[in-house]
Amino acid sequence: MKLVGLTGGIASGKSTVSRLLQEEKVPVIDADKIARDIVAPGRRANTLIRKHFGDDVFLPDGNLDRPKLGQIVFADEQKRKILNSCTHPYVRLEMLKEVVAYWLAGKRVVVLDVPLLFESKLDRFVGTTVVVFCSELLQLRRLMQRDNLDEHAATQRLRAQKPLPEKVELADIVIDNSTDLVELKKQVRGLVQKITPSTLIWLLEYVAPPMLIAAAAYSLRIAYLHRTT
């Protein structure tokens, strides 16, 4: 099974690309959605956030007050790192569970939609990286419009992430989201063709892991028998 990492910058259009991939029947594991799920009341990450940030960043029902927490972490890099340490291990664990489930289901390709793909070093675990790009000016304008932010607050959020041009340099494939939805759909269809492995490659990738595990288990068994005889 081929793993593809999808990333971009805030308001660059990554989520739209992710949705279009799903419309093309490509399985997508959404790290943002998982991140929202693992901070629900009663979850371990929720408890850790309360421990480090206090009750002020929570609503009366126990859910996170996301705007208030966002104001804190986007203004302070150290606190942003603390928040990531509370959530990232649990996000990765849930992502791994979904990857295994898709592999068992025999999927040819799975896309990991991860905002901090390069920053969190998760690009090391995928075969192809895809970056959704647009100009910083367009990114800023979209962010202000989408989240109803003033220019200072929107710029603060942009500066909290690795600049898009740097991500483009690291990417295997770049999707340019500077025009319209029609053009974006065309690029996504081309992307699906590029990332979908042939039947032969898929079979090799699907069969190889259990064969390697079986071979390793057999070798250990033989070594054990030699030691005991």
C-alpha atoms as a PDB file:
ATOM      1  CA  MET A   1       0.000   0.000   0.000  1.00  0.00           C
ATOM      2  CA  LYS A   2       1.351   3.391  -0.964  1.00  0.00           C
ATOM      3  CA  LEU A   3       1.296   6.163   1.641  1.00  0.00           C
ATOM      4  CA  VAL A   4       1.092   9.757   0.393  1.00  0.00           C
ATOM      5  CA  GLY A   5       1.583  12.778   2.640  1.00  0.00           C
ATOM      6  CA  LEU A   6      -0.600  15.800   1.855  1.00  0.00           C
ATOM      7  CA  THR A   7       0.189  19.155   3.417  1.00  0.00           C
ATOM      8  CA  GLY A   8       0.104  22.878   2.774  1.00  0.00           C
ATOM      9  CA  GLY A   9      -0.254  26.072   4.732  1.00  0.00           C
ATOM     10  CA  ILE A  10      -3.187  27.448   6.650  1.00  0.00           C
ATOM     11  CA  ALA A  11      -5.867  28.586   4.143  1.00  0.00           C
ATOM     12  CA  SER A  12      -3.861  27.299   1.167  1.00  0.00           C
ATOM     13  CA  GLY A  13      -6.657  24.934   0.123  1.00  0.00           C
ATOM     14  CA  LYS A  14      -5.336  21.649   1.512  1.00  0.00           C
ATOM     15  CA  SER A  15      -8.719  20.688   2.947  1.00  0.00           C
ATOM     16  CA  THR A  16     -10.369  21.274  -0.423  1.00  0.00           C
ATOM     17  CA  VAL A  17      -7.809  19.016  -2.110  1.00  0.00           C
ATOM     18  CA  SER A  18      -8.432  16.415   0.587  1.00  0.00           C
ATOM     19  CA  ARG A  19     -12.178  16.548  -0.094  1.00  0.00           C
ATOM     20  CA  LEU A  20     -11.641  16.250  -3.848  1.00  0.00           C
ATOM     21  CA  LEU A  21      -9.400  13.210  -3.325  1.00  0.00           C
ATOM     22  CA  GLN A  22     -12.165  11.549  -1.327  1.00  0.00           C
ATOM     23  CA  GLU A  23     -14.610  12.321  -4.136  1.00  0.00           C
ATOM     24  CA  GLU A  24     -12.175  10.423  -6.383  1.00  0.00           C
ATOM     25  CA  LYS A  25     -12.514   7.454  -3.961  1.00  0.00           C
ATOM     26  CA  VAL A  26      -9.013   7.874  -2.507  1.00  0.00           C
ATOM     27  CA  PRO A  27      -8.935   7.073   1.251  1.00  0.00           C
ATOM     28  CA  VAL A  28      -7.776  10.054   3.318  1.00  0.00           C
ATOM     29  CA  ILE A  29      -6.675  10.006   6.957  1.00  0.00           C
ATOM     30  CA  ASP A  30      -7.361  13.505   8.297  1.00  0.00           C
ATOM     31  CA  ALA A  31      -4.959  14.468  11.101  1.00  0.00           C
ATOM     32  CA  ASP A  32      -7.020  17.582  11.910  1.00  0.00           C
ATOM     33  CA  LYS A  33     -10.156  15.513  12.458  1.00  0.00           C
ATOM     34  CA  ILE A  34      -8.242  13.052  14.626  1.00  0.00           C
ATOM     35  CA  ALA A  35      -6.776  15.979  16.591  1.00  0.00           C
ATOM     36  CA  ARG A  36     -10.300  17.211  17.317  1.00  0.00           C
ATOM     37  CA  ASP A  37     -11.441  13.739  18.382  1.00  0.00           C
ATOM     38  CA  ILE A  38      -8.563  13.011  20.757  1.00  0.00           C
ATOM     39  CA  VAL A  39      -9.148  16.185  22.825  1.00  0.00           C
ATOM     40  CA  ALA A  40     -12.788  15.329  23.562  1.00  0.00           C
ATOM     41  CA  PRO A  41     -13.793  15.288  27.256  1.00  0.00           C
ATOM     42  CA  GLY A  42     -12.513  12.178  28.993  1.00  0.00           C
ATOM     43  CA  ARG A  43      -9.633  11.611  26.591  1.00  0.00           C
ATOM     44  CA  ARG A  44      -6.027  11.637  27.826  1.00  0.00           C
ATOM     45  CA  ALA A  45      -4.994  14.601  25.647  1.00  0.00           C
ATOM     46  CA  ASN A  46      -7.874  16.649  27.079  1.00  0.00           C
ATOM     47  CA  THR A  47      -6.578  15.967  30.602  1.00  0.00           C
ATOM     48  CA  LEU A  48      -3.011  16.947  29.648  1.00  0.00           C
ATOM     49  CA  ILE A  49      -4.137  20.219  28.082  1.00  0.00           C
ATOM     50  CA  ARG A  50      -6.081  21.109  31.224  1.00  0.00           C
ATOM     51  CA  LYS A  51      -3.000  20.312  33.306  1.00  0.00           C
ATOM     52  CA  HIS A  52      -0.734  22.624  31.258  1.00  0.00           C
ATOM     53  CA  PHE A  53      -3.131  25.423  30.287  1.00  0.00           C
ATOM     54  CA  GLY A  54      -5.701  25.449  33.092  1.00  0.00           C
ATOM     55  CA  ASP A  55      -9.498  25.602  33.138  1.00  0.00           C
ATOM     56  CA  ASP A  56      -9.641  28.927  31.267  1.00  0.00           C
ATOM     57  CA  VAL A  57      -9.219  27.228  27.858  1.00  0.00           C
ATOM     58  CA  PHE A  58     -12.216  24.957  28.413  1.00  0.00           C
ATOM     59  CA  LEU A  59     -15.934  25.469  27.923  1.00  0.00           C
ATOM     60  CA  PRO A  60     -18.414  24.545  30.696  1.00  0.00           C
ATOM     61  CA  ASP A  61     -19.203  21.236  28.939  1.00  0.00           C
ATOM     62  CA  GLY A  62     -15.550  20.137  29.112  1.00  0.00           C
ATOM     63  CA  ASN A  63     -14.743  20.780  25.453  1.00  0.00           C
ATOM     64  CA  LEU A  64     -11.841  23.008  24.431  1.00  0.00           C
ATOM     65  CA  ASP A  65     -12.435  26.706  23.892  1.00  0.00           C
ATOM     66  CA  ARG A  66     -10.523  26.582  20.606  1.00  0.00           C
ATOM     67  CA  PRO A  67     -10.446  30.340  19.853  1.00  0.00           C
ATOM     68  CA  LYS A  68      -9.061  31.106  23.323  1.00  0.00           C
ATOM     69  CA  LEU A  69      -6.458  28.325  23.137  1.00  0.00           C
ATOM     70  CA  GLY A  70      -5.536  29.455  19.618  1.00  0.00           C
ATOM     71  CA  GLN A  71      -4.876  33.000  20.816  1.00  0.00           C
ATOM     72  CA  ILE A  72      -2.465  31.637  23.413  1.00  0.00           C
ATOM     73  CA  VAL A  73      -0.478  29.173  21.301  1.00  0.00           C
ATOM     74  CA  PHE A  74      -0.204  31.266  18.137  1.00  0.00           C
ATOM     75  CA  ALA A  75       1.292  34.095  20.196  1.00  0.00           C
ATOM     76  CA  ASP A  76       3.797  31.911  22.075  1.00  0.00           C
ATOM     77  CA  GLU A  77       5.965  29.298  20.353  1.00  0.00           C
ATOM     78  CA  GLN A  78       6.868  27.574  23.629  1.00  0.00           C
ATOM     79  CA  LYS A  79       3.227  27.094  24.561  1.00  0.00           C
ATOM     80  CA  ARG A  80       2.536  25.840  21.042  1.00  0.00           C
ATOM     81  CA  LYS A  81       5.214  23.183  21.570  1.00  0.00           C
ATOM     82  CA  ILE A  82       3.617  22.197  24.876  1.00  0.00           C
ATOM     83  CA  LEU A  83       0.228  21.817  23.181  1.00  0.00           C
ATOM     84  CA  ASN A  84       1.786  19.681  20.440  1.00  0.00           C
ATOM     85  CA  SER A  85       3.401  17.450  23.045  1.00  0.00           C
ATOM     86  CA  CYS A  86      -0.042  16.906  24.590  1.00  0.00           C
ATOM     87  CA  THR A  87      -1.709  15.928  21.330  1.00  0.00           C
ATOM     88  CA  HIS A  88       0.762  14.649  18.718  1.00  0.00           C
ATOM     89  CA  PRO A  89       1.512  11.218  20.291  1.00  0.00           C
ATOM     90  CA  TYR A  90      -2.222  10.407  20.373  1.00  0.00           C
ATOM     91  CA  VAL A  91      -2.801  11.744  16.868  1.00  0.00           C
ATOM     92  CA  ARG A  92       0.008   9.536  15.535  1.00  0.00           C
ATOM     93  CA  LEU A  93      -1.354   6.467  17.323  1.00  0.00           C
ATOM     94  CA  GLU A  94      -4.831   6.939  15.818  1.00  0.00           C
ATOM     95  CA  MET A  95      -3.336   7.569  12.375  1.00  0.00           C
ATOM     96  CA  LEU A  96      -1.343   4.328  12.648  1.00  0.00           C
ATOM     97  CA  LYS A  97      -4.521   2.415  13.540  1.00  0.00           C
ATOM     98  CA  GLU A  98      -6.260   3.788  10.449  1.00  0.00           C
ATOM     99  CA  VAL A  99      -3.273   2.995   8.209  1.00  0.00           C
ATOM    100  CA  VAL A 100      -3.287  -0.625   9.408  1.00  0.00           C
ATOM    101  CA  ALA A 101      -7.054  -0.861   8.862  1.00  0.00           C
ATOM    102  CA  TYR A 102      -6.729   0.381   5.273  1.00  0.00           C
ATOM    103  CA  TRP A 103      -3.826  -1.995   4.633  1.00  0.00           C
ATOM    104  CA  LEU A 104      -5.887  -4.927   5.910  1.00  0.00           C
ATOM    105  CA  ALA A 105      -8.718  -3.796   3.637  1.00  0.00           C
ATOM    106  CA  GLY A 106      -6.341  -4.053   0.661  1.00  0.00           C
ATOM    107  CA  LYS A 107      -6.307  -0.386  -0.362  1.00  0.00           C
ATOM    108  CA  ARG A 108      -3.757   0.553  -3.022  1.00  0.00           C
ATOM    109  CA  VAL A 109      -3.071   4.077  -1.808  1.00  0.00           C
ATOM    110  CA  VAL A 110      -3.891   6.100   1.310  1.00  0.00           C
ATOM    111  CA  VAL A 111      -3.353   9.835   1.761  1.00  0.00           C
ATOM    112  CA  LEU A 112      -2.277  11.240   5.127  1.00  0.00           C
ATOM    113  CA  ASP A 113      -3.641  14.786   5.383  1.00  0.00           C
ATOM    114  CA  VAL A 114      -1.230  16.373   7.877  1.00  0.00           C
ATOM    115  CA  PRO A 115      -0.822  20.171   8.298  1.00  0.00           C
ATOM    116  CA  LEU A 116       2.598  19.774   9.953  1.00  0.00           C
ATOM    117  CA  LEU A 117       3.849  16.911   7.785  1.00  0.00           C
ATOM    118  CA  PHE A 118       7.427  18.197   7.491  1.00  0.00           C
ATOM    119  CA  GLU A 119       7.609  19.924  10.877  1.00  0.00           C
ATOM    120  CA  SER A 120       6.589  16.718  12.691  1.00  0.00           C
ATOM    121  CA  LYS A 121       8.928  14.571  10.521  1.00  0.00           C
ATOM    122  CA  LEU A 122       6.040  12.372   9.365  1.00  0.00           C
ATOM    123  CA  ASP A 123       7.242  12.800   5.780  1.00  0.00           C
ATOM    124  CA  ARG A 124       9.801  10.064   6.570  1.00  0.00           C
ATOM    125  CA  PHE A 125       6.994   7.498   6.677  1.00  0.00           C
ATOM    126  CA  VAL A 126       5.372   8.250   3.306  1.00  0.00           C
ATOM    127  CA  GLY A 127       6.439   7.416  -0.222  1.00  0.00           C
ATOM    128  CA  THR A 128       5.330  10.684  -1.839  1.00  0.00           C
ATOM    129  CA  THR A 129       4.785  14.177  -0.446  1.00  0.00           C
ATOM    130  CA  VAL A 130       2.268  16.622  -1.914  1.00  0.00           C
ATOM    131  CA  VAL A 131       2.101  20.332  -1.060  1.00  0.00           C
ATOM    132  CA  VAL A 132      -0.883  22.569  -1.836  1.00  0.00           C
ATOM    133  CA  PHE A 133       0.498  26.004  -2.695  1.00  0.00           C
ATOM    134  CA  CYS A 134      -0.751  29.553  -3.191  1.00  0.00           C
ATOM    135  CA  SER A 135       0.878  32.956  -2.753  1.00  0.00           C
ATOM    136  CA  GLU A 136       1.226  34.343   0.771  1.00  0.00           C
ATOM    137  CA  LEU A 137      -0.946  37.341  -0.162  1.00  0.00           C
ATOM    138  CA  LEU A 138      -3.749  35.053  -1.334  1.00  0.00           C
ATOM    139  CA  GLN A 139      -3.246  32.833   1.706  1.00  0.00           C
ATOM    140  CA  LEU A 140      -3.536  35.856   4.023  1.00  0.00           C
ATOM    141  CA  ARG A 141      -6.662  37.131   2.281  1.00  0.00           C
ATOM    142  CA  ARG A 142      -8.360  33.724   2.422  1.00  0.00           C
ATOM    143  CA  LEU A 143      -7.486  33.283   6.092  1.00  0.00           C
ATOM    144  CA  MET A 144      -8.847  36.703   7.073  1.00  0.00           C
ATOM    145  CA  GLN A 145     -12.044  35.992   5.174  1.00  0.00           C
ATOM    146  CA  ARG A 146     -12.493  32.409   6.387  1.00  0.00           C
ATOM    147  CA  ASP A 147     -11.823  32.966  10.106  1.00  0.00           C
ATOM    148  CA  ASN A 148     -12.961  36.600  10.305  1.00  0.00           C
ATOM    149  CA  LEU A 149      -9.521  37.733  11.505  1.00  0.00           C
ATOM    150  CA  ASP A 150      -7.803  41.085  11.258  1.00  0.00           C
ATOM    151  CA  GLU A 151      -4.512  41.256   9.366  1.00  0.00           C
ATOM    152  CA  HIS A 152      -2.352  41.090  12.506  1.00  0.00           C
ATOM    153  CA  ALA A 153      -4.036  37.952  13.858  1.00  0.00           C
ATOM    154  CA  ALA A 154      -3.983  36.264  10.448  1.00  0.00           C
ATOM    155  CA  THR A 155      -0.300  37.101   9.930  1.00  0.00           C
ATOM    156  CA  GLN A 156       0.481  35.714  13.391  1.00  0.00           C
ATOM    157  CA  ARG A 157      -1.053  32.384  12.393  1.00  0.00           C
ATOM    158  CA  LEU A 158       0.852  32.318   9.092  1.00  0.00           C
ATOM    159  CA  ARG A 159       4.157  32.992  10.856  1.00  0.00           C
ATOM    160  CA  ALA A 160       3.529  30.079  13.252  1.00  0.00           C
ATOM    161  CA  GLN A 161       3.980  27.632  10.347  1.00  0.00           C
ATOM    162  CA  LYS A 162       6.847  26.796   8.038  1.00  0.00           C
ATOM    163  CA  PRO A 163       6.576  29.138   5.015  1.00  0.00           C
ATOM    164  CA  LEU A 164       4.899  27.532   2.013  1.00  0.00           C
ATOM    165  CA  PRO A 165       7.860  28.115  -0.346  1.00  0.00           C
ATOM    166  CA  GLU A 166      10.023  26.022   2.010  1.00  0.00           C
ATOM    167  CA  LYS A 167       7.467  23.205   1.927  1.00  0.00           C
ATOM    168  CA  VAL A 168       7.372  23.398  -1.868  1.00  0.00           C
ATOM    169  CA  GLU A 169      11.137  22.810  -1.928  1.00  0.00           C
ATOM    170  CA  LEU A 170      10.632  19.600   0.058  1.00  0.00           C
ATOM    171  CA  ALA A 171       7.656  18.314  -1.938  1.00  0.00           C
ATOM    172  CA  ASP A 172       7.602  15.600  -4.583  1.00  0.00           C
ATOM    173  CA  ILE A 173       4.428  17.033  -6.128  1.00  0.00           C
ATOM    174  CA  VAL A 174       3.013  20.569  -5.916  1.00  0.00           C
ATOM    175  CA  ILE A 175      -0.655  21.483  -6.409  1.00  0.00           C
ATOM    176  CA  ASP A 176      -1.084  25.155  -7.343  1.00  0.00           C
ATOM    177  CA  ASN A 177      -4.301  26.471  -5.802  1.00  0.00           C
ATOM    178  CA  SER A 178      -4.008  30.024  -7.072  1.00  0.00           C
ATOM    179  CA  THR A 179      -6.850  29.942  -9.581  1.00  0.00           C
ATOM    180  CA  ASP A 180     -10.311  28.358  -9.379  1.00  0.00           C
ATOM    181  CA  LEU A 181     -12.015  25.114  -8.399  1.00  0.00           C
ATOM    182  CA  VAL A 182     -12.245  23.842 -11.973  1.00  0.00           C
ATOM    183  CA  GLU A 183      -8.472  24.023 -12.397  1.00  0.00           C
ATOM    184  CA  LEU A 184      -7.936  22.525  -8.947  1.00  0.00           C
ATOM    185  CA  LYS A 185     -10.156  19.532  -9.781  1.00  0.00           C
ATOM    186  CA  LYS A 186      -8.126  18.968 -12.953  1.00  0.00           C
ATOM    187  CA  GLN A 187      -4.890  18.908 -10.954  1.00  0.00           C
ATOM    188  CA  VAL A 188      -6.366  16.527  -8.365  1.00  0.00           C
ATOM    189  CA  ARG A 189      -7.458  14.061 -11.055  1.00  0.00           C
ATOM    190  CA  GLY A 190      -3.906  14.138 -12.419  1.00  0.00           C
ATOM    191  CA  LEU A 191      -2.564  13.617  -8.913  1.00  0.00           C
ATOM    192  CA  VAL A 192      -4.717  10.510  -8.429  1.00  0.00           C
ATOM    193  CA  GLN A 193      -3.253   8.994 -11.590  1.00  0.00           C
ATOM    194  CA  LYS A 194       0.294   9.725 -10.420  1.00  0.00           C
ATOM    195  CA  ILE A 195      -0.029   8.301  -6.914  1.00  0.00           C
ATOM    196  CA  THR A 196      -2.079   5.171  -7.649  1.00  0.00           C
ATOM    197  CA  PRO A 197       0.269   2.172  -8.016  1.00  0.00           C
ATOM    198  CA  SER A 198      -0.202  -0.484 -10.680  1.00  0.00           C
ATOM    199  CA  THR A 199      -1.761  -3.824  -9.726  1.00  0.00           C
ATOM    200  CA  LEU A 200       1.654  -5.534  -9.762  1.00  0.00           C
ATOM    201  CA  ILE A 201       3.278  -2.934  -7.513  1.00  0.00           C
ATOM    202  CA  TRP A 202       0.274  -3.017  -5.171  1.00  0.00           C
ATOM    203  CA  LEU A 203       0.467  -6.824  -4.884  1.00  0.00           C
ATOM    204  CA  LEU A 204       4.171  -6.690  -4.117  1.00  0.00           C
ATOM    205  CA  GLU A 205       3.660  -4.002  -1.478  1.00  0.00           C
ATOM    206  CA  TYR A 206       0.677  -5.828   0.008  1.00  0.00           C
ATOM    207  CA  VAL A 207       2.297  -9.258   0.184  1.00  0.00           C
ATOM    208  CA  ALA A 208       5.854  -8.192   1.112  1.00  0.00           C
ATOM    209  CA  PRO A 209       5.274  -7.091   4.758  1.00  0.00           C
ATOM    210  CA  PRO A 210       3.641 -10.339   5.974  1.00  0.00           C
ATOM    211  CA  MET A 211       6.220 -12.377   4.032  1.00  0.00           C
ATOM    212  CA  LEU A 212       9.062 -10.477   5.696  1.00  0.00           C
ATOM    213  CA  ILE A 213       7.458 -10.952   9.108  1.00  0.00           C
ATOM    214  CA  ALA A 214       6.973 -14.672   8.433  1.00  0.00           C
ATOM    215  CA  ALA A 215      10.593 -15.021   7.253  1.00  0.00           C
ATOM    216  CA  ALA A 216      11.867 -13.205  10.341  1.00  0.00           C
ATOM    217  CA  ALA A 217       9.727 -15.394  12.623  1.00  0.00           C
ATOM    218  CA  TYR A 218      10.998 -18.535  10.833  1.00  0.00           C
ATOM    219  CA  SER A 219      14.632 -17.394  11.203  1.00  0.00           C
ATOM    220  CA  LEU A 220      14.134 -16.717  14.911  1.00  0.00           C
ATOM    221  CA  ARG A 221      12.511 -20.131  15.330  1.00  0.00           C
ATOM    222  CA  ILE A 222      15.425 -21.887  13.602  1.00  0.00           C
ATOM    223  CA  ALA A 223      17.936 -19.937  15.700  1.00  0.00           C
ATOM    224  CA  TYR A 224      16.048 -20.894  18.861  1.00  0.00           C
ATOM    225  CA  LEU A 225      16.005 -24.582  17.913  1.00  0.00           C
ATOM    226  CA  HIS A 226      19.757 -24.526  17.208  1.00  0.00           C
ATOM    227  CA  ARG A 227      20.426 -23.041  20.650  1.00  0.00           C
ATOM    228  CA  THR A 228      18.306 -25.664  22.394  1.00  0.00           C
ATOM    229  CA  THR A 229      19.841 -28.710  20.601  1.00  0.00           C
END
